[in-house]
Amino acid sequence: MNTLPILYSFRRCPYAIRARLALCQAGVPVELREVDLKRKPPALLAVSSAATVPVLDAGPGAVLVHSLDIMRWALAQSDGDRWLARGDAGLNQRLVDTNDGDFKHALDRYKYANRHPQRSQAAYRDEAVACLIEPLEAALARADYLGGSLPCWADVAVFPFVRQFAGVDPAWWREAPLPAMRRWLNGWQDSALFALCMHKYAVWTPSDEPTRFPPLRPT
């Protein structure tokens, strides 16, 4: 009988990525259920009417539908590297709030500018740069991570979204005056933690055996 909390996830979703990164960092096991967003399973709809991902079902009365809550849940159980305590708490919270608000709004329009012809793609990019990318560059020019010399929860909370931003126009990203951001982003993309987080799983069906995540590492 399965006794693990259940994580409904979609591999490429930035919200799901940051939740999985925190679970990998904490080493807190869950049953992972990869979702096809075009065919959301009834089991997901039963625990979350919105059926967005990620969703963590830890039992009756313990369903988490926000990725930051899942991150905090995981790190509250195991945080040997002090991800929750590192860095400037006020600054990091403001950066994450901006990431999830104004930056995400501009990012979506930058990625899909043809759907939002009110402004040019470059204008949406400039908006995203001004609200988050430039403040991040300034912070990361002072220290290797938002946690200082070591990472913290805020690094992981914004990284998947910056990754999407950089991927919209890689040529522009390579030439932009953002050396600290490129160093930081490349470090995360090349990390073992990210590789573990991004392992590809088949779409879940009710007949499947439970998939433990993160997987047990060889000893």
Protein backbone atom coordinates (compact mmCIF):
# COMPACT_ATOMS: atom_id res chain seq x y z
CA MET A 1 0.00 0.00 0.00
CA ASN A 2 1.33 3.43 -0.95
CA THR A 3 2.10 5.62 2.06
CA LEU A 4 4.04 8.41 0.34
CA PRO A 5 2.60 11.88 -0.36
CA ILE A 6 1.62 12.19 -4.03
CA LEU A 7 3.08 14.90 -6.27
CA TYR A 8 1.23 15.69 -9.48
CA SER A 9 3.75 17.28 -11.79
CA PHE A 10 4.52 18.28 -15.37
CA ARG A 11 8.17 18.03 -16.29
CA ARG A 12 8.60 21.36 -18.11
CA CYS A 13 6.39 23.54 -15.91
CA PRO A 14 8.60 26.05 -14.05
CA TYR A 15 6.41 25.92 -10.96
CA ALA A 16 6.71 22.13 -10.88
CA ILE A 17 10.46 22.33 -11.53
CA ARG A 18 11.07 24.46 -8.45
CA ALA A 19 8.94 22.16 -6.31
CA ARG A 20 10.86 19.10 -7.53
CA LEU A 21 14.20 20.85 -6.98
CA ALA A 22 13.30 21.48 -3.35
CA LEU A 23 12.16 17.87 -2.89
CA CYS A 24 15.45 16.65 -4.40
CA GLN A 25 17.49 18.97 -2.21
CA ALA A 26 15.61 17.90 0.92
CA GLY A 27 15.61 14.23 -0.08
CA VAL A 28 11.95 14.00 0.93
CA PRO A 29 10.34 11.11 -0.98
CA VAL A 30 6.99 11.41 -2.74
CA GLU A 31 5.11 9.39 -5.31
CA LEU A 32 5.48 11.28 -8.58
CA ARG A 33 2.62 11.31 -11.04
CA GLU A 34 3.54 12.94 -14.35
CA VAL A 35 0.46 14.64 -15.83
CA ASP A 36 -0.63 15.22 -19.40
CA LEU A 37 -2.09 18.72 -19.08
CA LYS A 38 -4.44 18.10 -22.01
CA ARG A 39 -5.87 15.00 -20.32
CA LYS A 40 -5.82 15.71 -16.60
CA PRO A 41 -6.50 12.56 -14.61
CA PRO A 42 -9.62 12.31 -12.40
CA ALA A 43 -7.36 11.67 -9.39
CA LEU A 44 -5.84 15.13 -9.80
CA LEU A 45 -9.24 16.78 -10.29
CA ALA A 46 -10.46 15.06 -7.13
CA VAL A 47 -7.85 16.77 -4.94
CA SER A 48 -7.62 20.11 -6.78
CA SER A 49 -10.50 21.60 -8.72
CA ALA A 50 -8.09 24.01 -10.45
CA ALA A 51 -5.96 21.02 -11.50
CA THR A 52 -2.88 23.12 -12.02
CA VAL A 53 0.53 21.64 -11.29
CA PRO A 54 2.27 21.02 -9.05
CA VAL A 55 -0.13 19.63 -6.47
CA LEU A 56 1.06 17.74 -3.40
CA ASP A 57 -1.49 15.42 -1.80
CA ALA A 58 -0.17 14.56 1.64
CA GLY A 59 -3.50 13.21 2.89
CA PRO A 60 -6.87 14.59 4.01
CA GLY A 61 -6.60 18.27 4.85
CA ALA A 62 -3.01 18.40 3.62
CA VAL A 63 -3.23 19.24 -0.07
CA LEU A 64 -0.75 21.90 -1.24
CA VAL A 65 -1.55 23.59 -4.54
CA HIS A 66 1.15 26.29 -4.60
CA SER A 67 4.72 25.47 -5.57
CA LEU A 68 6.27 27.73 -2.93
CA ASP A 69 4.24 25.95 -0.25
CA ILE A 70 5.54 22.62 -1.53
CA MET A 71 9.08 23.96 -1.42
CA ARG A 72 8.66 25.11 2.17
CA TRP A 73 6.99 21.83 3.14
CA ALA A 74 9.95 19.84 1.81
CA LEU A 75 12.64 22.07 3.30
CA ALA A 76 10.87 22.24 6.67
CA GLN A 77 11.46 18.50 6.94
CA SER A 78 15.10 18.48 5.90
CA ASP A 79 17.23 21.57 5.34
CA GLY A 80 20.79 20.62 6.17
CA ASP A 81 22.18 23.31 3.85
CA ARG A 82 19.96 25.99 5.43
CA TRP A 83 18.21 26.98 2.22
CA LEU A 84 15.38 28.58 4.19
CA ALA A 85 17.73 30.68 6.33
CA ARG A 86 20.37 31.89 3.88
CA GLY A 87 20.48 35.27 2.17
CA ASP A 88 18.71 38.56 2.71
CA ALA A 89 15.18 37.44 3.62
CA GLY A 90 13.50 40.70 2.66
CA LEU A 91 15.28 41.12 -0.66
CA ASN A 92 14.81 37.49 -1.62
CA GLN A 93 11.10 37.58 -0.86
CA ARG A 94 10.71 40.71 -2.98
CA LEU A 95 12.58 39.08 -5.86
CA VAL A 96 10.41 35.96 -5.70
CA ASP A 97 7.23 38.05 -5.47
CA THR A 98 8.34 40.03 -8.53
CA ASN A 99 9.21 36.80 -10.34
CA ASP A 100 5.75 35.38 -9.73
CA GLY A 101 4.00 38.66 -10.54
CA ASP A 102 5.28 41.31 -12.94
CA PHE A 103 8.09 39.19 -14.38
CA LYS A 104 5.87 36.20 -15.16
CA HIS A 105 3.37 38.54 -16.80
CA ALA A 106 6.06 40.04 -19.04
CA LEU A 107 7.72 36.66 -19.66
CA ASP A 108 4.52 35.10 -20.99
CA ARG A 109 4.12 37.99 -23.43
CA TYR A 110 7.79 37.87 -24.42
CA LYS A 111 7.50 34.15 -25.18
CA TYR A 112 4.23 34.50 -27.10
CA ALA A 113 4.46 38.04 -28.48
CA ASN A 114 2.37 37.10 -31.51
CA ARG A 115 -0.57 36.57 -29.15
CA HIS A 116 -0.08 40.02 -27.61
CA PRO A 117 0.43 42.42 -30.53
CA GLN A 118 -0.27 45.49 -28.39
CA ARG A 119 3.51 45.78 -27.89
CA SER A 120 6.65 44.48 -29.56
CA GLN A 121 8.52 41.42 -28.32
CA ALA A 122 11.47 43.68 -27.48
CA ALA A 123 9.21 45.85 -25.33
CA TYR A 124 8.03 42.85 -23.33
CA ARG A 125 11.66 41.72 -22.97
CA ASP A 126 12.69 45.16 -21.73
CA GLU A 127 9.88 45.08 -19.17
CA ALA A 128 11.03 41.70 -17.89
CA VAL A 129 14.63 42.88 -17.71
CA ALA A 130 13.75 46.02 -15.79
CA CYS A 131 11.54 44.37 -13.19
CA LEU A 132 13.64 41.29 -12.37
CA ILE A 133 16.66 40.53 -14.54
CA GLU A 134 18.52 43.74 -13.70
CA PRO A 135 17.88 43.44 -9.92
CA LEU A 136 19.01 39.81 -10.09
CA GLU A 137 22.16 40.78 -11.99
CA ALA A 138 22.96 43.37 -9.32
CA ALA A 139 22.42 40.86 -6.50
CA LEU A 140 24.45 38.12 -8.21
CA ALA A 141 27.29 40.51 -8.99
CA ARG A 142 27.74 40.86 -5.23
CA ALA A 143 27.56 37.15 -4.36
CA ASP A 144 27.50 33.81 -6.15
CA TYR A 145 23.90 33.09 -5.14
CA LEU A 146 20.90 34.82 -3.64
CA GLY A 147 21.84 32.86 -0.53
CA GLY A 148 25.31 34.43 -0.53
CA SER A 149 28.22 32.06 -1.05
CA LEU A 150 25.80 29.12 -1.15
CA PRO A 151 22.31 28.67 -2.68
CA CYS A 152 19.01 29.28 -0.94
CA TRP A 153 15.32 28.71 -1.63
CA ALA A 154 15.03 31.96 -3.61
CA ASP A 155 17.65 30.84 -6.16
CA VAL A 156 15.56 27.77 -6.92
CA ALA A 157 12.29 29.70 -6.87
CA VAL A 158 13.34 32.04 -9.69
CA PHE A 159 15.75 29.84 -11.66
CA PRO A 160 13.18 27.93 -13.80
CA PHE A 161 11.60 31.18 -14.93
CA VAL A 162 14.92 32.83 -15.78
CA ARG A 163 15.76 29.66 -17.70
CA GLN A 164 12.63 30.15 -19.79
CA PHE A 165 13.46 33.82 -20.33
CA ALA A 166 16.99 33.02 -21.54
CA GLY A 167 15.63 30.41 -23.94
CA VAL A 168 13.31 32.76 -25.82
CA ASP A 169 16.17 34.46 -27.68
CA PRO A 170 19.44 32.66 -26.90
CA ALA A 171 21.48 34.96 -29.17
CA TRP A 172 20.29 38.05 -27.30
CA TRP A 173 20.92 36.33 -23.94
CA ARG A 174 24.51 35.45 -24.90
CA GLU A 175 25.33 39.07 -25.79
CA ALA A 176 23.36 40.91 -23.09
CA PRO A 177 25.43 42.69 -20.41
CA LEU A 178 24.45 40.11 -17.79
CA PRO A 179 27.62 38.16 -16.91
CA ALA A 180 26.58 37.32 -13.36
CA MET A 181 23.21 36.03 -14.52
CA ARG A 182 24.76 33.82 -17.19
CA ARG A 183 27.23 32.36 -14.71
CA TRP A 184 24.46 31.67 -12.21
CA LEU A 185 22.06 30.22 -14.78
CA ASN A 186 24.71 27.99 -16.35
CA GLY A 187 25.67 26.71 -12.92
CA TRP A 188 22.13 25.65 -12.14
CA GLN A 189 21.52 24.15 -15.56
CA ASP A 190 24.71 22.08 -15.29
CA SER A 191 24.05 20.96 -11.71
CA ALA A 192 23.47 17.37 -10.64
CA LEU A 193 20.42 18.59 -8.71
CA PHE A 194 18.79 19.91 -11.87
CA ALA A 195 19.61 16.74 -13.79
CA LEU A 196 17.98 14.66 -11.06
CA CYS A 197 14.96 16.94 -10.99
CA MET A 198 14.48 16.77 -14.77
CA HIS A 199 14.57 12.99 -15.20
CA LYS A 200 11.89 12.11 -17.73
CA TYR A 201 8.99 9.95 -16.57
CA ALA A 202 6.11 8.48 -18.54
CA VAL A 203 2.67 9.99 -18.08
CA TRP A 204 1.03 8.38 -15.06
CA THR A 205 -1.94 6.03 -15.32
CA PRO A 206 -3.88 4.53 -12.38
CA SER A 207 -2.58 1.04 -13.16
CA ASP A 208 1.08 2.07 -12.79
CA GLU A 209 3.28 1.01 -9.92
CA PRO A 210 4.16 4.00 -7.72
CA THR A 211 7.17 6.02 -8.91
CA ARG A 212 9.35 7.17 -6.04
CA PHE A 213 10.76 10.66 -6.39
CA PRO A 214 13.50 11.61 -5.98
CA PRO A 215 14.81 8.17 -6.95
CA LEU A 216 17.11 6.38 -4.59
CA ARG A 217 20.72 7.06 -5.46
CA PRO A 218 23.16 4.15 -5.73
CA THR A 219 25.22 3.67 -2.58
